[in-house]
């Protein structure tokens, strides 16, 4: 948190140390931006837990998806899932490990 304070961002960032499998379900929201760089096998579940709490116009981003979209841990399943959603628009930045950027267009 000291780094966030030094940058003047502490009022905008909520950083917690916990078991994400439990914590993500408990977070209240609403959120306008989520960055996930956790265990890849749970990306889909994290997204499912957070998406209803994401504001329309908000983004859910997932790191390390480039080159691993098919069959790498849970990445392939996650990517297939987000691409199937009509209320999200997803693009991929292929720099470095790659980032999936999913923009929420509507509630459903």
N, C-alpha and C. Protein backbone atom coordinates (compact mmCIF):
# COMPACT_ATOMS: atom_id res chain seq x y z
N UNK A 1 0.81 -1.20 0.00
CA UNK A 1 0.00 0.00 0.00
C UNK A 1 0.85 1.26 0.00
N UNK A 2 2.06 1.16 0.51
CA UNK A 2 2.94 2.34 0.54
C UNK A 2 3.20 2.85 -0.88
N UNK A 3 3.39 1.95 -1.82
CA UNK A 3 3.62 2.36 -3.21
C UNK A 3 2.40 3.09 -3.77
N UNK A 4 1.21 2.60 -3.45
CA UNK A 4 -0.01 3.25 -3.93
C UNK A 4 -0.14 4.65 -3.34
N UNK A 5 0.20 4.80 -2.04
CA UNK A 5 0.15 6.12 -1.41
C UNK A 5 1.15 7.06 -2.06
N UNK A 6 2.37 6.58 -2.29
CA UNK A 6 3.41 7.41 -2.91
C UNK A 6 2.99 7.90 -4.29
N UNK A 7 2.24 7.10 -5.00
CA UNK A 7 1.78 7.46 -6.34
C UNK A 7 0.49 8.28 -6.32
N UNK A 8 -0.09 8.45 -5.13
CA UNK A 8 -1.34 9.19 -5.03
C UNK A 8 -2.55 8.39 -5.47
N UNK A 9 -2.45 7.05 -5.46
CA UNK A 9 -3.54 6.21 -5.94
C UNK A 9 -4.24 5.40 -4.86
N UNK A 10 -3.83 5.55 -3.62
CA UNK A 10 -4.35 4.69 -2.56
C UNK A 10 -5.87 4.77 -2.40
N UNK A 11 -6.48 5.89 -2.73
CA UNK A 11 -7.93 5.99 -2.59
C UNK A 11 -8.67 5.28 -3.73
N UNK A 12 -7.94 4.88 -4.78
CA UNK A 12 -8.55 4.23 -5.93
C UNK A 12 -8.28 2.73 -5.99
N UNK A 13 -7.34 2.24 -5.20
CA UNK A 13 -6.91 0.84 -5.26
C UNK A 13 -7.19 0.15 -3.94
N UNK A 14 -7.76 -1.04 -4.06
CA UNK A 14 -8.02 -1.87 -2.88
C UNK A 14 -7.21 -3.15 -3.07
N UNK A 15 -6.10 -3.27 -2.39
CA UNK A 15 -5.25 -4.46 -2.49
C UNK A 15 -5.42 -5.29 -1.23
N UNK A 16 -5.61 -6.60 -1.42
CA UNK A 16 -5.82 -7.49 -0.27
C UNK A 16 -4.98 -8.74 -0.44
N UNK A 17 -4.53 -9.28 0.68
CA UNK A 17 -3.81 -10.54 0.70
C UNK A 17 -4.75 -11.58 1.28
N UNK A 18 -5.14 -12.56 0.45
CA UNK A 18 -6.09 -13.58 0.88
C UNK A 18 -6.10 -14.71 -0.14
N UNK A 19 -6.84 -15.75 0.15
CA UNK A 19 -7.07 -16.83 -0.81
C UNK A 19 -8.11 -16.32 -1.81
N UNK A 20 -7.68 -16.07 -3.03
CA UNK A 20 -8.56 -15.47 -4.04
C UNK A 20 -9.77 -16.34 -4.35
N UNK A 21 -9.65 -17.65 -4.22
CA UNK A 21 -10.79 -18.53 -4.48
C UNK A 21 -11.96 -18.18 -3.58
N UNK A 22 -11.68 -17.74 -2.37
CA UNK A 22 -12.72 -17.33 -1.42
C UNK A 22 -13.02 -15.83 -1.51
N UNK A 23 -11.98 -15.03 -1.58
CA UNK A 23 -12.13 -13.57 -1.52
C UNK A 23 -12.93 -13.00 -2.68
N UNK A 24 -12.66 -13.43 -3.88
CA UNK A 24 -13.31 -12.84 -5.06
C UNK A 24 -14.82 -12.95 -4.96
N UNK A 25 -15.33 -14.06 -4.48
CA UNK A 25 -16.78 -14.24 -4.32
C UNK A 25 -17.36 -13.25 -3.32
N UNK A 26 -16.57 -12.86 -2.33
CA UNK A 26 -17.06 -12.00 -1.25
C UNK A 26 -16.99 -10.51 -1.58
N UNK A 27 -16.22 -10.13 -2.58
CA UNK A 27 -16.07 -8.72 -2.91
C UNK A 27 -17.41 -8.13 -3.34
N UNK A 28 -17.70 -6.95 -2.85
CA UNK A 28 -19.02 -6.34 -3.05
C UNK A 28 -19.19 -5.68 -4.43
N UNK A 29 -18.17 -4.97 -4.90
CA UNK A 29 -18.34 -4.21 -6.12
C UNK A 29 -19.09 -2.92 -5.82
N UNK A 30 -19.48 -2.15 -6.77
CA UNK A 30 -19.23 -2.38 -8.20
C UNK A 30 -17.79 -2.06 -8.58
N UNK A 31 -17.36 -2.62 -9.71
CA UNK A 31 -16.01 -2.41 -10.22
C UNK A 31 -16.08 -1.80 -11.61
N UNK A 32 -15.10 -0.97 -11.92
CA UNK A 32 -15.00 -0.46 -13.28
C UNK A 32 -13.79 -1.05 -14.01
N UNK A 33 -12.86 -1.64 -13.25
CA UNK A 33 -11.69 -2.26 -13.87
C UNK A 33 -11.18 -3.37 -12.96
N UNK A 34 -10.93 -4.53 -13.54
CA UNK A 34 -10.37 -5.66 -12.81
C UNK A 34 -9.20 -6.21 -13.61
N UNK A 35 -8.07 -6.42 -12.95
CA UNK A 35 -6.90 -7.03 -13.57
C UNK A 35 -6.63 -8.34 -12.86
N UNK A 36 -6.68 -9.45 -13.61
CA UNK A 36 -6.46 -10.77 -13.04
C UNK A 36 -5.14 -11.33 -13.54
N UNK A 37 -4.29 -11.68 -12.59
CA UNK A 37 -3.02 -12.33 -12.89
C UNK A 37 -2.79 -13.42 -11.85
N UNK A 38 -3.84 -14.18 -11.60
CA UNK A 38 -3.82 -15.21 -10.57
C UNK A 38 -3.64 -16.58 -11.23
N UNK A 39 -4.06 -17.62 -10.54
CA UNK A 39 -3.93 -18.96 -11.09
C UNK A 39 -4.85 -19.13 -12.30
N UNK A 40 -4.24 -19.51 -13.40
CA UNK A 40 -4.93 -19.53 -14.69
C UNK A 40 -6.09 -20.52 -14.72
N UNK A 41 -6.01 -21.59 -13.97
CA UNK A 41 -7.08 -22.58 -13.96
C UNK A 41 -8.38 -22.00 -13.39
N UNK A 42 -8.29 -20.90 -12.67
CA UNK A 42 -9.47 -20.27 -12.06
C UNK A 42 -9.92 -19.01 -12.78
N UNK A 43 -9.29 -18.64 -13.88
CA UNK A 43 -9.67 -17.41 -14.58
C UNK A 43 -11.17 -17.38 -14.89
N UNK A 44 -11.69 -18.46 -15.41
CA UNK A 44 -13.13 -18.48 -15.75
C UNK A 44 -13.97 -18.25 -14.50
N UNK A 45 -13.64 -18.92 -13.40
CA UNK A 45 -14.43 -18.76 -12.18
C UNK A 45 -14.31 -17.35 -11.61
N UNK A 46 -13.10 -16.77 -11.66
CA UNK A 46 -12.95 -15.39 -11.20
C UNK A 46 -13.84 -14.46 -12.02
N UNK A 47 -13.83 -14.68 -13.33
CA UNK A 47 -14.65 -13.86 -14.21
C UNK A 47 -16.13 -14.02 -13.87
N UNK A 48 -16.59 -15.25 -13.70
CA UNK A 48 -17.99 -15.52 -13.36
C UNK A 48 -18.37 -14.83 -12.05
N UNK A 49 -17.47 -14.84 -11.08
CA UNK A 49 -17.74 -14.22 -9.78
C UNK A 49 -17.76 -12.69 -9.85
N UNK A 50 -16.98 -12.11 -10.74
CA UNK A 50 -16.84 -10.65 -10.81
C UNK A 50 -17.77 -10.01 -11.83
N UNK A 51 -18.04 -10.66 -12.93
CA UNK A 51 -18.79 -10.05 -14.03
C UNK A 51 -20.10 -9.38 -13.61
N UNK A 52 -20.92 -10.00 -12.73
CA UNK A 52 -22.16 -9.32 -12.33
C UNK A 52 -21.90 -8.04 -11.54
N UNK A 53 -20.74 -7.90 -10.96
CA UNK A 53 -20.39 -6.72 -10.15
C UNK A 53 -19.65 -5.66 -10.97
N UNK A 54 -19.40 -5.97 -12.23
CA UNK A 54 -18.69 -5.05 -13.11
C UNK A 54 -19.69 -4.08 -13.73
N UNK A 55 -19.39 -2.80 -13.67
CA UNK A 55 -20.28 -1.79 -14.24
C UNK A 55 -20.31 -1.90 -15.76
N UNK A 56 -21.42 -1.51 -16.36
CA UNK A 56 -21.47 -1.43 -17.82
C UNK A 56 -20.42 -0.40 -18.23
N UNK A 57 -19.61 -0.75 -19.18
CA UNK A 57 -18.50 0.10 -19.60
C UNK A 57 -17.20 -0.28 -18.92
N UNK A 58 -17.27 -1.17 -17.93
CA UNK A 58 -16.08 -1.62 -17.22
C UNK A 58 -15.33 -2.70 -17.96
N UNK A 59 -14.10 -2.96 -17.52
CA UNK A 59 -13.25 -3.96 -18.17
C UNK A 59 -12.74 -4.99 -17.18
N UNK A 60 -12.73 -6.23 -17.63
CA UNK A 60 -12.07 -7.32 -16.92
C UNK A 60 -10.90 -7.72 -17.79
N UNK A 61 -9.70 -7.63 -17.24
CA UNK A 61 -8.51 -7.98 -18.00
C UNK A 61 -7.84 -9.20 -17.37
N UNK A 62 -7.31 -10.06 -18.21
CA UNK A 62 -6.65 -11.27 -17.74
C UNK A 62 -5.27 -11.37 -18.40
N UNK A 63 -4.26 -11.54 -17.59
CA UNK A 63 -2.87 -11.55 -18.04
C UNK A 63 -2.43 -12.96 -18.44
N UNK A 64 -1.45 -13.00 -19.32
CA UNK A 64 -0.80 -14.25 -19.78
C UNK A 64 -1.74 -15.14 -20.58
N UNK A 65 -2.49 -14.58 -21.50
CA UNK A 65 -3.37 -15.38 -22.34
C UNK A 65 -2.83 -15.58 -23.75
N UNK A 66 -1.89 -14.76 -24.18
CA UNK A 66 -1.40 -14.86 -25.55
C UNK A 66 -0.61 -16.15 -25.76
N UNK A 67 -0.89 -16.82 -26.86
CA UNK A 67 -0.17 -18.04 -27.19
C UNK A 67 -0.59 -19.22 -26.34
N UNK A 68 -1.55 -19.01 -25.44
CA UNK A 68 -1.96 -20.09 -24.54
C UNK A 68 -3.47 -20.25 -24.57
N UNK A 69 -4.09 -19.77 -25.60
CA UNK A 69 -5.55 -19.76 -25.65
C UNK A 69 -6.14 -21.16 -25.72
N UNK A 70 -5.41 -22.10 -26.24
CA UNK A 70 -5.96 -23.44 -26.39
C UNK A 70 -5.20 -24.43 -25.52
N UNK A 71 -5.88 -24.99 -24.57
CA UNK A 71 -5.35 -26.10 -23.82
C UNK A 71 -4.32 -25.81 -22.75
N UNK A 72 -4.02 -24.57 -22.46
CA UNK A 72 -3.02 -24.26 -21.43
C UNK A 72 -3.75 -24.01 -20.12
N UNK A 73 -3.67 -24.96 -19.22
CA UNK A 73 -4.36 -24.79 -17.95
C UNK A 73 -5.80 -24.44 -18.19
N UNK A 74 -6.28 -23.40 -17.55
CA UNK A 74 -7.66 -22.97 -17.73
C UNK A 74 -7.82 -21.85 -18.73
N UNK A 75 -6.73 -21.44 -19.38
CA UNK A 75 -6.80 -20.30 -20.30
C UNK A 75 -7.73 -20.58 -21.47
N UNK A 76 -7.60 -21.75 -22.10
CA UNK A 76 -8.45 -22.07 -23.24
C UNK A 76 -9.92 -22.05 -22.88
N UNK A 77 -10.27 -22.64 -21.76
CA UNK A 77 -11.65 -22.66 -21.29
C UNK A 77 -12.14 -21.23 -21.00
N UNK A 78 -11.29 -20.42 -20.37
CA UNK A 78 -11.64 -19.03 -20.07
C UNK A 78 -11.89 -18.25 -21.35
N UNK A 79 -10.97 -18.36 -22.30
CA UNK A 79 -11.10 -17.60 -23.55
C UNK A 79 -12.35 -18.03 -24.31
N UNK A 80 -12.61 -19.31 -24.41
CA UNK A 80 -13.83 -19.77 -25.08
C UNK A 80 -15.07 -19.20 -24.40
N UNK A 81 -15.06 -19.18 -23.09
CA UNK A 81 -16.21 -18.67 -22.34
C UNK A 81 -16.44 -17.18 -22.60
N UNK A 82 -15.41 -16.37 -22.47
CA UNK A 82 -15.61 -14.92 -22.63
C UNK A 82 -15.99 -14.56 -24.07
N UNK A 83 -15.46 -15.31 -25.03
CA UNK A 83 -15.80 -15.04 -26.43
C UNK A 83 -17.24 -15.44 -26.74
N UNK A 84 -17.85 -16.30 -25.94
CA UNK A 84 -19.22 -16.73 -26.17
C UNK A 84 -20.25 -15.74 -25.62
N UNK A 85 -19.82 -14.80 -24.80
CA UNK A 85 -20.75 -13.87 -24.14
C UNK A 85 -21.15 -12.73 -25.07
N UNK A 86 -22.46 -12.53 -25.19
CA UNK A 86 -22.99 -11.48 -26.07
C UNK A 86 -22.85 -10.09 -25.46
N UNK A 87 -22.79 -10.01 -24.12
CA UNK A 87 -22.75 -8.70 -23.47
C UNK A 87 -21.32 -8.22 -23.18
N UNK A 88 -20.32 -8.95 -23.63
CA UNK A 88 -18.92 -8.54 -23.49
C UNK A 88 -18.26 -8.53 -24.86
N UNK A 89 -17.39 -7.57 -25.05
CA UNK A 89 -16.57 -7.50 -26.25
C UNK A 89 -15.13 -7.71 -25.80
N UNK A 90 -14.45 -8.70 -26.37
CA UNK A 90 -13.11 -9.03 -25.93
C UNK A 90 -12.10 -8.86 -27.05
N UNK A 91 -11.01 -8.20 -26.72
CA UNK A 91 -9.88 -8.08 -27.63
C UNK A 91 -8.64 -8.62 -26.92
N UNK A 92 -7.60 -8.86 -27.70
CA UNK A 92 -6.36 -9.42 -27.14
C UNK A 92 -5.19 -8.53 -27.50
N UNK A 93 -4.42 -8.16 -26.49
CA UNK A 93 -3.15 -7.48 -26.70
C UNK A 93 -2.09 -8.57 -26.66
N UNK A 94 -1.30 -8.67 -27.71
CA UNK A 94 -0.35 -9.78 -27.81
C UNK A 94 1.06 -9.44 -27.36
N UNK A 95 1.26 -8.27 -26.80
CA UNK A 95 2.59 -7.90 -26.29
C UNK A 95 2.91 -8.73 -25.06
N UNK A 96 4.17 -9.09 -24.90
CA UNK A 96 4.59 -9.82 -23.70
C UNK A 96 3.81 -11.10 -23.54
N UNK A 97 3.27 -11.33 -22.36
CA UNK A 97 2.48 -12.52 -22.09
C UNK A 97 1.08 -12.44 -22.65
N UNK A 98 0.68 -11.27 -23.09
CA UNK A 98 -0.65 -11.09 -23.66
C UNK A 98 -1.68 -10.79 -22.60
N UNK A 99 -2.68 -10.01 -22.98
CA UNK A 99 -3.76 -9.64 -22.08
C UNK A 99 -5.08 -9.74 -22.84
N UNK A 100 -6.05 -10.39 -22.23
CA UNK A 100 -7.42 -10.38 -22.76
C UNK A 100 -8.13 -9.21 -22.10
N UNK A 101 -8.75 -8.37 -22.91
CA UNK A 101 -9.45 -7.19 -22.41
C UNK A 101 -10.93 -7.34 -22.76
N UNK A 102 -11.74 -7.56 -21.74
CA UNK A 102 -13.17 -7.79 -21.95
C UNK A 102 -13.96 -6.59 -21.42
N UNK A 103 -14.63 -5.93 -22.35
CA UNK A 103 -15.40 -4.72 -22.07
C UNK A 103 -16.88 -5.10 -21.93
N UNK A 104 -17.51 -4.72 -20.82
CA UNK A 104 -18.90 -5.05 -20.57
C UNK A 104 -19.81 -4.04 -21.27
N UNK A 105 -20.55 -4.52 -22.27
CA UNK A 105 -21.43 -3.65 -23.05
C UNK A 105 -22.84 -3.56 -22.49
N UNK A 106 -23.30 -4.60 -21.79
CA UNK A 106 -24.65 -4.64 -21.25
C UNK A 106 -24.71 -5.65 -20.11
N UNK A 107 -25.79 -5.62 -19.33
CA UNK A 107 -25.94 -6.57 -18.24
C UNK A 107 -26.08 -8.00 -18.74
N UNK A 108 -26.85 -8.21 -19.77
CA UNK A 108 -27.07 -9.57 -20.30
C UNK A 108 -27.01 -9.58 -21.80
